[in-house]
N, C-alpha and C. Protein backbone atom coordinates (compact mmCIF):
# COMPACT_ATOMS: atom_id res chain seq x y z
N UNK A 1 0.84 -1.19 0.02
CA UNK A 1 0.01 0.00 -0.01
C UNK A 1 0.87 1.26 0.00
N UNK A 2 0.45 2.25 -0.82
CA UNK A 2 1.19 3.54 -0.83
C UNK A 2 0.17 4.61 -0.54
N UNK A 3 0.38 5.35 0.60
CA UNK A 3 -0.51 6.40 0.94
C UNK A 3 -0.17 7.66 0.14
N UNK A 4 -1.17 8.15 -0.64
CA UNK A 4 -0.97 9.30 -1.43
C UNK A 4 -1.36 10.53 -0.68
N UNK A 5 -2.47 10.46 0.07
CA UNK A 5 -2.88 11.65 0.87
C UNK A 5 -3.55 11.18 2.16
N UNK A 6 -3.16 11.83 3.23
CA UNK A 6 -3.82 11.60 4.56
C UNK A 6 -4.51 12.89 4.96
N UNK A 7 -5.77 12.83 5.30
CA UNK A 7 -6.52 14.01 5.75
C UNK A 7 -6.82 13.90 7.18
N UNK A 8 -6.41 14.82 8.01
CA UNK A 8 -6.71 14.82 9.43
C UNK A 8 -7.37 16.21 9.74
N UNK A 9 -7.93 16.28 10.97
CA UNK A 9 -8.71 17.46 11.31
C UNK A 9 -8.13 18.15 12.59
N UNK A 10 -8.37 19.46 12.64
CA UNK A 10 -7.82 20.27 13.71
C UNK A 10 -8.77 21.46 14.10
N UNK A 11 -8.66 21.87 15.31
CA UNK A 11 -9.34 23.08 15.74
C UNK A 11 -8.35 24.28 15.73
N UNK A 12 -7.08 24.02 15.34
CA UNK A 12 -6.02 25.03 15.41
C UNK A 12 -5.24 25.05 14.09
N UNK A 13 -5.98 25.37 13.00
CA UNK A 13 -5.39 25.33 11.72
C UNK A 13 -4.18 26.29 11.56
N UNK A 14 -4.38 27.55 11.99
CA UNK A 14 -3.33 28.52 11.86
C UNK A 14 -2.04 28.09 12.55
N UNK A 15 -2.17 27.58 13.80
CA UNK A 15 -0.98 27.11 14.53
C UNK A 15 -0.33 25.83 13.90
N UNK A 16 -1.17 24.96 13.40
CA UNK A 16 -0.61 23.77 12.71
C UNK A 16 0.11 24.15 11.41
N UNK A 17 -0.46 25.08 10.68
CA UNK A 17 0.14 25.54 9.46
C UNK A 17 1.50 26.13 9.77
N UNK A 18 1.57 26.97 10.82
CA UNK A 18 2.84 27.56 11.20
C UNK A 18 3.84 26.50 11.60
N UNK A 19 3.41 25.49 12.41
CA UNK A 19 4.34 24.47 12.88
C UNK A 19 4.92 23.68 11.73
N UNK A 20 4.09 23.19 10.84
CA UNK A 20 4.61 22.33 9.79
C UNK A 20 5.40 23.12 8.73
N UNK A 21 5.04 24.34 8.47
CA UNK A 21 5.73 25.12 7.46
C UNK A 21 6.94 25.85 8.01
N UNK A 22 6.88 26.40 9.22
CA UNK A 22 7.96 27.19 9.71
C UNK A 22 8.90 26.41 10.66
N UNK A 23 8.36 25.56 11.54
CA UNK A 23 9.20 24.78 12.38
C UNK A 23 9.86 23.62 11.71
N UNK A 24 9.02 22.82 10.93
CA UNK A 24 9.57 21.72 10.18
C UNK A 24 10.02 22.06 8.76
N UNK A 25 9.50 23.17 8.21
CA UNK A 25 9.95 23.60 6.98
C UNK A 25 9.36 22.91 5.76
N UNK A 26 8.17 22.30 5.97
CA UNK A 26 7.49 21.57 4.87
C UNK A 26 6.92 22.54 3.84
N UNK A 27 6.94 22.14 2.61
CA UNK A 27 6.42 22.98 1.53
C UNK A 27 4.87 22.94 1.56
N UNK A 28 4.26 24.06 1.42
CA UNK A 28 2.80 24.13 1.35
C UNK A 28 2.42 23.96 -0.12
N UNK A 29 1.58 22.99 -0.44
CA UNK A 29 1.12 22.76 -1.79
C UNK A 29 -0.18 23.53 -2.09
N UNK A 30 -0.99 23.69 -1.12
CA UNK A 30 -2.30 24.40 -1.26
C UNK A 30 -2.77 24.80 0.09
N UNK A 31 -3.49 25.88 0.18
CA UNK A 31 -4.10 26.24 1.48
C UNK A 31 -5.26 27.26 1.25
N UNK A 32 -6.09 27.33 2.24
CA UNK A 32 -7.23 28.30 2.27
C UNK A 32 -7.54 28.59 3.74
N UNK A 33 -8.66 29.20 3.97
CA UNK A 33 -9.08 29.50 5.36
C UNK A 33 -9.51 28.23 6.10
N UNK A 34 -9.70 27.16 5.34
CA UNK A 34 -10.28 25.93 5.96
C UNK A 34 -9.33 24.71 5.91
N UNK A 35 -8.22 24.82 5.16
CA UNK A 35 -7.30 23.64 5.08
C UNK A 35 -5.97 24.11 4.62
N UNK A 36 -4.96 23.16 4.82
CA UNK A 36 -3.64 23.40 4.26
C UNK A 36 -3.10 21.97 3.88
N UNK A 37 -2.38 21.96 2.76
CA UNK A 37 -1.80 20.74 2.23
C UNK A 37 -0.28 20.81 2.23
N UNK A 38 0.37 19.84 2.82
CA UNK A 38 1.85 19.85 2.91
C UNK A 38 2.37 18.70 2.05
N UNK A 39 3.55 18.97 1.46
CA UNK A 39 4.31 18.01 0.69
C UNK A 39 5.16 17.09 1.59
N UNK A 40 4.82 15.83 1.58
CA UNK A 40 5.64 14.85 2.31
C UNK A 40 6.10 13.78 1.32
N UNK A 41 7.04 14.13 0.50
CA UNK A 41 7.59 13.22 -0.45
C UNK A 41 6.57 12.69 -1.41
N UNK A 42 6.29 11.39 -1.37
CA UNK A 42 5.36 10.78 -2.26
C UNK A 42 3.92 10.88 -1.78
N UNK A 43 3.72 11.53 -0.59
CA UNK A 43 2.41 11.73 0.06
C UNK A 43 2.16 13.15 0.24
N UNK A 44 0.84 13.47 0.46
CA UNK A 44 0.40 14.76 0.91
C UNK A 44 -0.22 14.61 2.29
N UNK A 45 -0.01 15.61 3.15
CA UNK A 45 -0.70 15.64 4.45
C UNK A 45 -1.63 16.89 4.35
N UNK A 46 -2.93 16.62 4.41
CA UNK A 46 -3.93 17.66 4.38
C UNK A 46 -4.55 17.83 5.75
N UNK A 47 -4.44 19.00 6.31
CA UNK A 47 -5.01 19.30 7.63
C UNK A 47 -6.16 20.23 7.43
N UNK A 48 -7.36 19.83 7.87
CA UNK A 48 -8.63 20.46 7.64
C UNK A 48 -9.18 21.03 8.92
N UNK A 49 -9.69 22.26 8.88
CA UNK A 49 -10.25 22.93 10.06
C UNK A 49 -11.64 22.35 10.37
N UNK A 50 -11.86 22.10 11.67
CA UNK A 50 -13.18 21.69 12.17
C UNK A 50 -13.58 22.60 13.30
N UNK A 51 -14.86 22.84 13.42
CA UNK A 51 -15.37 23.61 14.50
C UNK A 51 -15.75 22.71 15.71
N UNK A 52 -16.01 21.44 15.47
CA UNK A 52 -16.28 20.49 16.54
C UNK A 52 -14.94 20.02 17.15
N UNK A 53 -14.97 19.43 18.30
CA UNK A 53 -13.77 18.98 19.00
C UNK A 53 -13.04 17.91 18.23
N UNK A 54 -11.71 18.10 18.08
CA UNK A 54 -10.93 17.10 17.45
C UNK A 54 -9.96 16.45 18.49
N UNK A 55 -9.55 15.23 18.20
CA UNK A 55 -8.63 14.52 19.14
C UNK A 55 -7.39 14.07 18.42
N UNK A 56 -6.32 13.74 19.15
CA UNK A 56 -5.05 13.46 18.56
C UNK A 56 -4.98 12.20 17.73
N UNK A 57 -4.02 12.20 16.80
CA UNK A 57 -3.74 11.06 15.92
C UNK A 57 -2.38 10.57 16.21
N UNK A 58 -2.12 9.41 15.67
CA UNK A 58 -0.71 8.90 15.50
C UNK A 58 -0.53 8.59 14.02
N UNK A 59 0.56 9.20 13.45
CA UNK A 59 0.93 8.76 12.08
C UNK A 59 2.44 8.75 11.94
N UNK A 60 2.92 8.07 10.94
CA UNK A 60 4.37 7.88 10.75
C UNK A 60 4.75 8.27 9.34
N UNK A 61 5.96 8.71 9.23
CA UNK A 61 6.59 9.13 7.97
C UNK A 61 7.85 8.41 7.77
N UNK A 62 7.98 7.73 6.62
CA UNK A 62 9.26 7.00 6.30
C UNK A 62 10.35 8.02 5.99
N UNK A 63 11.53 7.67 6.45
CA UNK A 63 12.75 8.46 6.10
C UNK A 63 13.78 7.45 5.59
N UNK A 64 14.90 7.91 4.97
CA UNK A 64 15.88 7.00 4.45
C UNK A 64 16.35 6.05 5.56
N UNK A 65 16.64 4.82 5.13
CA UNK A 65 16.91 3.74 6.10
C UNK A 65 18.16 3.88 6.92
N UNK A 66 19.01 4.85 6.53
CA UNK A 66 20.27 5.07 7.30
C UNK A 66 20.30 6.39 8.00
N UNK A 67 19.17 7.05 8.19
CA UNK A 67 19.16 8.45 8.62
C UNK A 67 18.50 8.71 9.99
N UNK A 68 18.33 7.70 10.86
CA UNK A 68 17.65 7.93 12.10
C UNK A 68 18.45 8.83 13.01
N UNK A 69 19.75 8.73 13.03
CA UNK A 69 20.61 9.55 13.90
C UNK A 69 20.58 10.99 13.46
N UNK A 70 20.70 11.20 12.17
CA UNK A 70 20.60 12.54 11.58
C UNK A 70 19.23 13.11 11.84
N UNK A 71 18.18 12.32 11.70
CA UNK A 71 16.85 12.80 11.90
C UNK A 71 16.71 13.26 13.37
N UNK A 72 17.24 12.50 14.30
CA UNK A 72 17.16 12.90 15.69
C UNK A 72 17.81 14.25 15.92
N UNK A 73 19.00 14.43 15.45
CA UNK A 73 19.73 15.67 15.62
C UNK A 73 18.97 16.85 14.95
N UNK A 74 18.45 16.63 13.85
CA UNK A 74 17.68 17.65 13.09
C UNK A 74 16.46 18.02 13.85
N UNK A 75 15.69 17.01 14.39
CA UNK A 75 14.49 17.29 15.14
C UNK A 75 14.74 18.02 16.41
N UNK A 76 15.84 17.67 17.12
CA UNK A 76 16.15 18.28 18.40
C UNK A 76 16.46 19.73 18.32
N UNK A 77 16.78 20.25 17.16
CA UNK A 77 16.93 21.63 16.93
C UNK A 77 15.65 22.37 16.81
N UNK A 78 14.51 21.58 16.66
CA UNK A 78 13.22 22.23 16.36
C UNK A 78 12.11 21.82 17.35
N UNK A 79 12.18 20.61 17.88
CA UNK A 79 11.05 20.16 18.76
C UNK A 79 11.68 19.36 19.96
N UNK A 80 10.82 19.06 20.88
CA UNK A 80 11.20 18.13 22.00
C UNK A 80 10.89 16.69 21.47
N UNK A 81 11.90 15.88 21.52
CA UNK A 81 11.79 14.48 21.12
C UNK A 81 11.24 13.67 22.27
N UNK A 82 10.25 12.79 21.93
CA UNK A 82 9.67 11.90 22.96
C UNK A 82 10.62 10.78 23.29
N UNK A 83 10.75 10.47 24.56
CA UNK A 83 11.66 9.42 24.99
C UNK A 83 10.91 8.23 25.61
N UNK A 84 11.53 7.07 25.49
CA UNK A 84 11.04 5.88 26.15
C UNK A 84 12.19 5.37 27.05
N UNK A 85 11.98 5.48 28.37
CA UNK A 85 13.12 5.11 29.28
C UNK A 85 14.42 5.90 29.01
N UNK A 86 14.26 7.16 28.74
CA UNK A 86 15.39 8.08 28.42
C UNK A 86 16.03 7.75 27.06
N UNK A 87 15.45 6.84 26.30
CA UNK A 87 16.00 6.53 24.94
C UNK A 87 15.30 7.41 23.93
N UNK A 88 16.08 8.03 23.06
CA UNK A 88 15.49 8.93 22.04
C UNK A 88 15.21 8.25 20.76
N UNK A 89 16.01 7.27 20.34
CA UNK A 89 15.78 6.49 19.14
C UNK A 89 15.29 5.11 19.56
N UNK A 90 14.04 4.79 19.08
CA UNK A 90 13.43 3.54 19.46
C UNK A 90 13.75 2.49 18.38
N UNK A 91 14.06 1.26 18.82
CA UNK A 91 14.42 0.18 17.96
C UNK A 91 13.30 -0.89 17.95
N UNK A 92 12.80 -1.23 16.82
CA UNK A 92 11.80 -2.28 16.64
C UNK A 92 12.41 -3.48 15.97
N UNK A 93 12.81 -4.45 16.73
CA UNK A 93 13.53 -5.58 16.18
C UNK A 93 12.71 -6.36 15.20
N UNK A 94 11.43 -6.62 15.51
CA UNK A 94 10.61 -7.35 14.57
C UNK A 94 10.38 -6.68 13.23
N UNK A 95 10.49 -5.38 13.28
CA UNK A 95 10.29 -4.58 12.05
C UNK A 95 11.58 -4.17 11.37
N UNK A 96 12.70 -4.43 12.03
CA UNK A 96 13.99 -4.08 11.50
C UNK A 96 13.98 -2.58 11.24
N UNK A 97 13.60 -1.80 12.20
CA UNK A 97 13.38 -0.30 11.96
C UNK A 97 13.80 0.45 13.23
N UNK A 98 14.13 1.72 12.99
CA UNK A 98 14.41 2.57 14.14
C UNK A 98 13.62 3.87 13.92
N UNK A 99 13.15 4.50 15.00
CA UNK A 99 12.25 5.67 14.90
C UNK A 99 12.49 6.68 15.95
N UNK A 100 12.07 7.89 15.68
CA UNK A 100 12.01 8.97 16.61
C UNK A 100 10.60 9.61 16.58
N UNK A 101 10.20 10.10 17.73
CA UNK A 101 8.83 10.63 17.88
C UNK A 101 8.80 12.02 18.41
N UNK A 102 7.74 12.77 18.07
CA UNK A 102 7.54 14.09 18.59
C UNK A 102 6.07 14.46 18.44
N UNK A 103 5.69 15.49 19.18
CA UNK A 103 4.30 16.02 19.09
C UNK A 103 4.24 17.20 18.20
N UNK A 104 3.12 17.36 17.48
CA UNK A 104 2.83 18.64 16.76
C UNK A 104 1.99 19.49 17.69
N UNK A 105 1.43 20.56 17.17
CA UNK A 105 0.63 21.50 17.98
C UNK A 105 -0.56 20.90 18.63
N UNK A 106 -1.16 19.95 17.91
CA UNK A 106 -2.38 19.25 18.43
C UNK A 106 -2.08 18.05 19.30
N UNK A 107 -0.85 17.86 19.60
CA UNK A 107 -0.45 16.66 20.38
C UNK A 107 -0.57 15.42 19.60
N UNK A 108 -0.61 15.55 18.28
CA UNK A 108 -0.55 14.34 17.38
C UNK A 108 0.86 13.73 17.59
N UNK A 109 0.90 12.41 17.69
CA UNK A 109 2.21 11.75 17.81
C UNK A 109 2.72 11.42 16.44
N UNK A 110 3.78 12.17 16.05
CA UNK A 110 4.34 12.02 14.71
C UNK A 110 5.63 11.18 14.84
N UNK A 111 5.79 10.22 13.98
CA UNK A 111 6.95 9.30 14.02
C UNK A 111 7.73 9.36 12.74
N UNK A 112 9.00 9.58 12.83
CA UNK A 112 9.94 9.42 11.70
C UNK A 112 10.59 8.09 11.82
N UNK A 113 10.39 7.20 10.80
CA UNK A 113 10.87 5.83 10.91
C UNK A 113 11.78 5.43 9.77
N UNK A 114 12.91 4.91 10.11
CA UNK A 114 13.86 4.38 9.14
C UNK A 114 13.69 2.86 9.12
N UNK A 115 13.15 2.36 8.03
CA UNK A 115 12.83 1.02 7.87
C UNK A 115 14.02 0.33 7.03
N UNK A 116 14.81 -0.46 7.73
CA UNK A 116 16.05 -1.06 7.15
C UNK A 116 15.73 -1.97 5.95
N UNK A 117 14.61 -2.59 6.03
CA UNK A 117 14.26 -3.54 4.92
C UNK A 117 14.05 -2.83 3.59
N UNK A 118 13.64 -1.58 3.60
CA UNK A 118 13.38 -0.82 2.41
C UNK A 118 14.73 -0.48 1.66
N UNK A 119 15.79 -0.45 2.43
CA UNK A 119 17.12 -0.17 1.87
C UNK A 119 17.12 1.06 0.97
N UNK A 120 16.52 2.12 1.43
CA UNK A 120 16.41 3.37 0.66
C UNK A 120 17.41 4.44 1.27
N UNK A 121 18.62 4.04 1.32
CA UNK A 121 19.64 4.87 1.95
C UNK A 121 19.85 6.17 1.16
N UNK A 122 20.28 7.18 1.84
CA UNK A 122 20.58 8.43 1.16
C UNK A 122 21.91 8.95 1.63
N UNK A 123 22.66 9.63 0.72
CA UNK A 123 23.98 10.27 1.07
C UNK A 123 23.76 11.75 1.36
N UNK A 124 22.53 12.26 1.17
CA UNK A 124 22.26 13.63 1.41
C UNK A 124 22.02 13.96 2.84
N UNK A 125 22.42 15.17 3.30
CA UNK A 125 22.19 15.56 4.67
C UNK A 125 20.67 15.56 4.91
N UNK A 126 20.32 15.18 6.22
CA UNK A 126 18.90 15.07 6.54
C UNK A 126 18.31 16.45 6.67
N UNK A 127 17.07 16.60 6.04
CA UNK A 127 16.27 17.81 6.29
C UNK A 127 14.84 17.44 5.96
N UNK A 128 14.00 18.41 5.83
CA UNK A 128 12.55 18.17 5.59
C UNK A 128 12.34 17.38 4.25
N UNK A 129 13.27 17.57 3.32
CA UNK A 129 13.13 16.82 2.05
C UNK A 129 13.44 15.32 2.23
N UNK A 130 13.87 14.92 3.43
CA UNK A 130 14.12 13.53 3.65
C UNK A 130 12.81 12.81 4.13
N UNK A 131 11.72 13.57 4.27
CA UNK A 131 10.45 12.91 4.56
C UNK A 131 9.98 12.31 3.23
N UNK A 132 9.99 10.96 3.21
CA UNK A 132 9.73 10.27 1.97
C UNK A 132 8.28 9.98 1.68
N UNK A 133 7.53 9.62 2.68
CA UNK A 133 6.06 9.29 2.46
C UNK A 133 5.45 9.05 3.84
N UNK A 134 4.19 9.29 3.91
CA UNK A 134 3.39 8.88 5.05
C UNK A 134 3.22 7.39 4.99
N UNK A 135 3.55 6.65 6.02
CA UNK A 135 3.60 5.19 5.97
C UNK A 135 2.69 4.53 7.00
N UNK A 136 2.16 5.30 7.96
CA UNK A 136 1.26 4.66 8.97
C UNK A 136 0.18 5.69 9.38
N UNK A 137 -1.01 5.16 9.69
CA UNK A 137 -2.02 5.92 10.41
C UNK A 137 -2.58 4.98 11.45
N UNK A 138 -2.74 5.48 12.65
CA UNK A 138 -3.24 4.70 13.76
C UNK A 138 -4.81 4.65 13.73
N UNK A 139 -5.34 3.49 14.08
CA UNK A 139 -6.77 3.27 14.28
C UNK A 139 -7.06 2.63 15.57
N UNK A 140 -7.27 3.43 16.61
CA UNK A 140 -7.69 2.87 17.87
C UNK A 140 -9.12 2.28 17.79
N UNK A 141 -9.38 1.11 18.28
CA UNK A 141 -10.63 0.44 18.09
C UNK A 141 -10.91 -0.43 19.33
N UNK A 142 -12.14 -0.97 19.39
CA UNK A 142 -12.45 -1.92 20.43
C UNK A 142 -12.64 -3.31 19.82
N UNK A 143 -12.46 -3.44 18.52
CA UNK A 143 -12.63 -4.74 17.85
C UNK A 143 -11.62 -4.83 16.70
N UNK A 144 -10.38 -5.23 17.05
CA UNK A 144 -9.39 -5.24 15.98
C UNK A 144 -9.71 -6.27 14.89
N UNK A 145 -10.26 -7.45 15.23
CA UNK A 145 -10.56 -8.48 14.30
C UNK A 145 -11.68 -7.95 13.26
N UNK A 146 -12.65 -7.23 13.76
CA UNK A 146 -13.69 -6.72 12.85
C UNK A 146 -13.06 -5.75 11.86
N UNK A 147 -12.22 -4.85 12.32
CA UNK A 147 -11.61 -3.84 11.42
C UNK A 147 -10.69 -4.47 10.47
N UNK A 148 -9.89 -5.49 10.93
CA UNK A 148 -8.99 -6.18 10.04
C UNK A 148 -9.79 -6.92 8.93
N UNK A 149 -10.84 -7.62 9.34
CA UNK A 149 -11.65 -8.35 8.40
C UNK A 149 -12.14 -7.44 7.22
N UNK A 150 -12.57 -6.25 7.65
CA UNK A 150 -13.03 -5.27 6.63
C UNK A 150 -11.93 -4.87 5.67
N UNK A 151 -10.81 -4.51 6.22
CA UNK A 151 -9.62 -4.11 5.35
C UNK A 151 -9.16 -5.29 4.53
N UNK A 152 -9.19 -6.50 5.06
CA UNK A 152 -8.78 -7.65 4.26
C UNK A 152 -9.76 -7.96 3.16
N UNK A 153 -11.05 -7.99 3.50
CA UNK A 153 -12.06 -8.34 2.48
C UNK A 153 -12.23 -7.27 1.38
N UNK A 154 -12.18 -6.02 1.84
CA UNK A 154 -12.41 -4.89 0.89
C UNK A 154 -11.23 -4.56 0.07
N UNK A 155 -10.01 -4.58 0.64
CA UNK A 155 -8.82 -4.10 -0.04
C UNK A 155 -7.75 -5.22 -0.24
N UNK A 156 -7.93 -6.40 0.37
CA UNK A 156 -7.01 -7.43 0.23
C UNK A 156 -5.74 -7.26 1.04
N UNK A 157 -5.86 -6.45 2.13
CA UNK A 157 -4.65 -6.15 2.96
C UNK A 157 -4.46 -7.31 3.96
N UNK A 158 -3.19 -7.55 4.25
CA UNK A 158 -2.83 -8.67 5.15
C UNK A 158 -2.16 -8.17 6.46
N UNK A 159 -2.09 -9.00 7.46
CA UNK A 159 -1.42 -8.62 8.69
C UNK A 159 0.12 -8.53 8.38
N UNK A 160 0.65 -7.40 8.77
CA UNK A 160 2.14 -7.17 8.72
C UNK A 160 2.77 -7.66 10.03
N UNK A 161 2.17 -7.38 11.12
CA UNK A 161 2.68 -7.80 12.43
C UNK A 161 1.56 -7.69 13.47
N UNK A 162 1.62 -8.55 14.48
CA UNK A 162 0.66 -8.44 15.59
C UNK A 162 -0.46 -9.50 15.49
N UNK A 163 -1.50 -9.33 16.29
CA UNK A 163 -2.59 -10.21 16.35
C UNK A 163 -3.89 -9.39 16.60
N UNK A 164 -4.92 -10.08 17.08
CA UNK A 164 -6.21 -9.42 17.17
C UNK A 164 -6.60 -9.02 18.59
N UNK A 165 -5.73 -9.22 19.56
CA UNK A 165 -6.09 -8.96 20.92
C UNK A 165 -5.71 -7.48 21.30
N UNK A 166 -4.48 -7.07 21.01
CA UNK A 166 -4.00 -5.79 21.49
C UNK A 166 -3.47 -4.88 20.40
N UNK A 167 -2.84 -5.43 19.40
CA UNK A 167 -2.15 -4.62 18.37
C UNK A 167 -2.03 -5.40 17.08
N UNK A 168 -2.29 -4.76 15.96
CA UNK A 168 -2.23 -5.40 14.65
C UNK A 168 -1.88 -4.33 13.62
N UNK A 169 -0.76 -4.51 12.96
CA UNK A 169 -0.36 -3.64 11.85
C UNK A 169 -0.78 -4.36 10.54
N UNK A 170 -1.50 -3.59 9.71
CA UNK A 170 -2.11 -4.20 8.51
C UNK A 170 -1.62 -3.42 7.30
N UNK A 171 -1.07 -4.11 6.29
CA UNK A 171 -0.57 -3.50 5.12
C UNK A 171 0.85 -3.84 4.79
N UNK A 172 1.62 -2.85 4.36
CA UNK A 172 3.03 -3.09 3.97
C UNK A 172 3.86 -1.99 4.60
N UNK A 173 5.16 -2.04 4.40
CA UNK A 173 6.07 -1.05 5.08
C UNK A 173 5.94 0.33 4.48
N UNK A 174 5.31 0.47 3.29
CA UNK A 174 5.10 1.80 2.73
C UNK A 174 3.67 2.35 3.08
N UNK A 175 2.86 1.47 3.69
CA UNK A 175 1.53 1.89 4.07
C UNK A 175 0.86 0.94 5.02
N UNK A 176 0.71 1.37 6.25
CA UNK A 176 0.14 0.51 7.29
C UNK A 176 -0.99 1.18 8.05
N UNK A 177 -2.07 0.38 8.32
CA UNK A 177 -3.03 0.76 9.32
C UNK A 177 -2.58 0.11 10.61
N UNK A 178 -2.41 0.91 11.64
CA UNK A 178 -1.95 0.38 12.92
C UNK A 178 -3.19 0.31 13.88
N UNK A 179 -3.76 -0.84 13.99
CA UNK A 179 -4.94 -1.07 14.82
C UNK A 179 -4.49 -1.45 16.23
N UNK A 180 -5.04 -0.66 17.20
CA UNK A 180 -4.78 -1.06 18.59
C UNK A 180 -6.07 -1.10 19.41
N UNK A 181 -6.13 -1.97 20.35
CA UNK A 181 -7.30 -1.98 21.29
C UNK A 181 -7.16 -0.89 22.27
N UNK A 182 -7.98 0.16 22.10
CA UNK A 182 -7.78 1.35 22.84
C UNK A 182 -8.17 1.19 24.32
N UNK A 183 -8.87 0.06 24.62
CA UNK A 183 -9.30 -0.19 26.03
C UNK A 183 -8.09 -0.72 26.86
N UNK A 184 -7.07 -1.27 26.21
CA UNK A 184 -5.99 -1.88 26.92
C UNK A 184 -4.59 -1.37 26.53
N UNK A 185 -4.54 -0.48 25.52
CA UNK A 185 -3.29 0.03 25.03
C UNK A 185 -3.30 1.46 24.67
N UNK A 186 -2.29 2.18 25.00
CA UNK A 186 -2.12 3.56 24.59
C UNK A 186 -1.06 3.63 23.45
N UNK A 187 -0.77 4.86 23.04
CA UNK A 187 0.21 5.03 21.90
C UNK A 187 1.58 5.11 22.45
N UNK A 188 2.47 4.36 21.80
CA UNK A 188 3.87 4.36 22.04
C UNK A 188 4.41 5.71 21.60
N UNK A 189 5.47 6.29 22.22
CA UNK A 189 6.23 5.72 23.30
C UNK A 189 5.82 6.23 24.70
N UNK A 190 4.83 7.18 24.81
CA UNK A 190 4.46 7.76 26.08
C UNK A 190 3.21 7.19 26.68
N UNK A 191 2.63 6.19 26.03
CA UNK A 191 1.39 5.57 26.45
C UNK A 191 0.25 6.55 26.50
N UNK A 192 0.26 7.49 25.51
CA UNK A 192 -0.83 8.47 25.39
C UNK A 192 -2.14 7.80 25.16
N UNK A 193 -3.21 8.34 25.70
CA UNK A 193 -4.57 7.88 25.44
C UNK A 193 -4.84 7.82 23.93
N UNK A 194 -5.36 6.73 23.45
CA UNK A 194 -5.59 6.59 22.04
C UNK A 194 -7.10 6.95 21.74
N UNK A 195 -7.29 7.90 20.83
CA UNK A 195 -8.64 8.35 20.45
C UNK A 195 -8.98 7.86 19.01
N UNK A 196 -10.20 7.53 18.80
CA UNK A 196 -10.64 7.08 17.48
C UNK A 196 -10.96 8.35 16.65
N UNK A 197 -9.93 9.00 16.19
CA UNK A 197 -10.03 10.28 15.55
C UNK A 197 -10.38 10.08 14.04
N UNK A 198 -11.32 10.81 13.57
CA UNK A 198 -11.75 10.73 12.13
C UNK A 198 -10.60 11.07 11.20
N UNK A 199 -10.51 10.35 10.11
CA UNK A 199 -9.52 10.79 9.05
C UNK A 199 -10.04 10.22 7.71
N UNK A 200 -9.42 10.72 6.65
CA UNK A 200 -9.66 10.17 5.34
C UNK A 200 -8.29 9.94 4.71
N UNK A 201 -8.28 8.95 3.79
CA UNK A 201 -6.97 8.57 3.20
C UNK A 201 -7.19 8.11 1.75
N UNK A 202 -6.27 8.52 0.96
CA UNK A 202 -6.21 8.04 -0.44
C UNK A 202 -4.99 7.26 -0.65
N UNK A 203 -5.09 6.03 -1.19
CA UNK A 203 -3.93 5.17 -1.35
C UNK A 203 -4.01 4.38 -2.66
N UNK A 204 -2.85 3.85 -3.03
CA UNK A 204 -2.77 2.87 -4.03
C UNK A 204 -2.58 1.48 -3.39
N UNK A 205 -3.57 0.67 -3.61
CA UNK A 205 -3.55 -0.72 -3.08
C UNK A 205 -3.63 -1.73 -4.25
N UNK A 206 -2.63 -2.47 -4.41
CA UNK A 206 -2.69 -3.47 -5.53
C UNK A 206 -2.91 -2.77 -6.87
N UNK A 207 -2.21 -1.63 -7.08
CA UNK A 207 -2.28 -0.88 -8.34
C UNK A 207 -3.59 -0.23 -8.54
N UNK A 208 -4.50 -0.19 -7.53
CA UNK A 208 -5.77 0.50 -7.65
C UNK A 208 -5.81 1.68 -6.70
N UNK A 209 -6.43 2.76 -7.15
CA UNK A 209 -6.64 3.92 -6.29
C UNK A 209 -7.81 3.67 -5.40
N UNK A 210 -7.60 3.86 -4.12
CA UNK A 210 -8.65 3.62 -3.11
C UNK A 210 -8.79 4.84 -2.21
N UNK A 211 -10.03 5.13 -1.80
CA UNK A 211 -10.25 6.16 -0.83
C UNK A 211 -10.96 5.57 0.36
N UNK A 212 -10.39 5.85 1.55
CA UNK A 212 -10.89 5.20 2.77
C UNK A 212 -11.25 6.34 3.78
N UNK A 213 -12.41 6.15 4.38
CA UNK A 213 -12.85 7.12 5.43
C UNK A 213 -12.97 6.36 6.76
N UNK A 214 -12.47 7.02 7.81
CA UNK A 214 -12.63 6.51 9.14
C UNK A 214 -13.45 7.57 9.95
N UNK A 215 -14.68 7.26 10.26
CA UNK A 215 -15.56 8.18 10.96
C UNK A 215 -16.43 7.41 11.89
N UNK A 216 -16.68 8.02 13.09
CA UNK A 216 -17.51 7.39 14.12
C UNK A 216 -17.13 5.94 14.38
N UNK A 217 -15.79 5.69 14.41
CA UNK A 217 -15.21 4.40 14.67
C UNK A 217 -15.54 3.34 13.64
N UNK A 218 -15.80 3.77 12.41
CA UNK A 218 -16.10 2.83 11.31
C UNK A 218 -15.20 3.11 10.17
N UNK A 219 -14.58 2.08 9.65
CA UNK A 219 -13.76 2.16 8.40
C UNK A 219 -14.69 1.82 7.24
N UNK A 220 -14.57 2.68 6.17
CA UNK A 220 -15.37 2.31 4.99
C UNK A 220 -14.72 2.87 3.77
N UNK A 221 -14.91 2.14 2.64
CA UNK A 221 -14.46 2.67 1.38
C UNK A 221 -15.35 3.80 0.96
N UNK A 222 -14.66 4.79 0.40
CA UNK A 222 -15.41 6.03 0.01
C UNK A 222 -15.34 6.12 -1.50
N UNK A 223 -16.54 6.20 -2.13
CA UNK A 223 -16.63 6.28 -3.54
C UNK A 223 -16.57 7.74 -4.03
């Protein structure tokens, strides 16, 4: 799966626009009074204003497979990096990946992840142009099996890692839905409360363009 665009919602559009464009230096592709679109390599991040209450998300961005240390140093000049037991770079042995985490203005948990299996090394100095693609969006749920079955039946997606009790990553290393049981698990690395936050997503799955909506704790294909 390749995520082409992720749409998330905010009550603080002006502040989020400033954070992503001025603090992180991301290029603005389009904006208005109600939304802003940022360039994240092969993906777009669209942040849309809502007047109703919004809750935090977790999403991840792939970076070159050899750049986690440079990413950490680059981030620390701009934001506070989230730590797990005083560790700034998190190692996921089962995924053969290393990642660093930070909050944006809405307390969304943003992850920069270097996936060694992708072998997409770069010799260029790390900067905002090293953000290659959005590769994960979190889906807190109370029924992982039900949500997996829908994704599997509708889009042919398979389990990448995990099971149906607590945590299940569905898809591929370039595009994952991270399903967690929000009743028993929070978001890594700070164990933040996981909210079932509405989002929309456009992706290429099996060479087909798909649009997916997550709203009111329901995943559905959007025509």
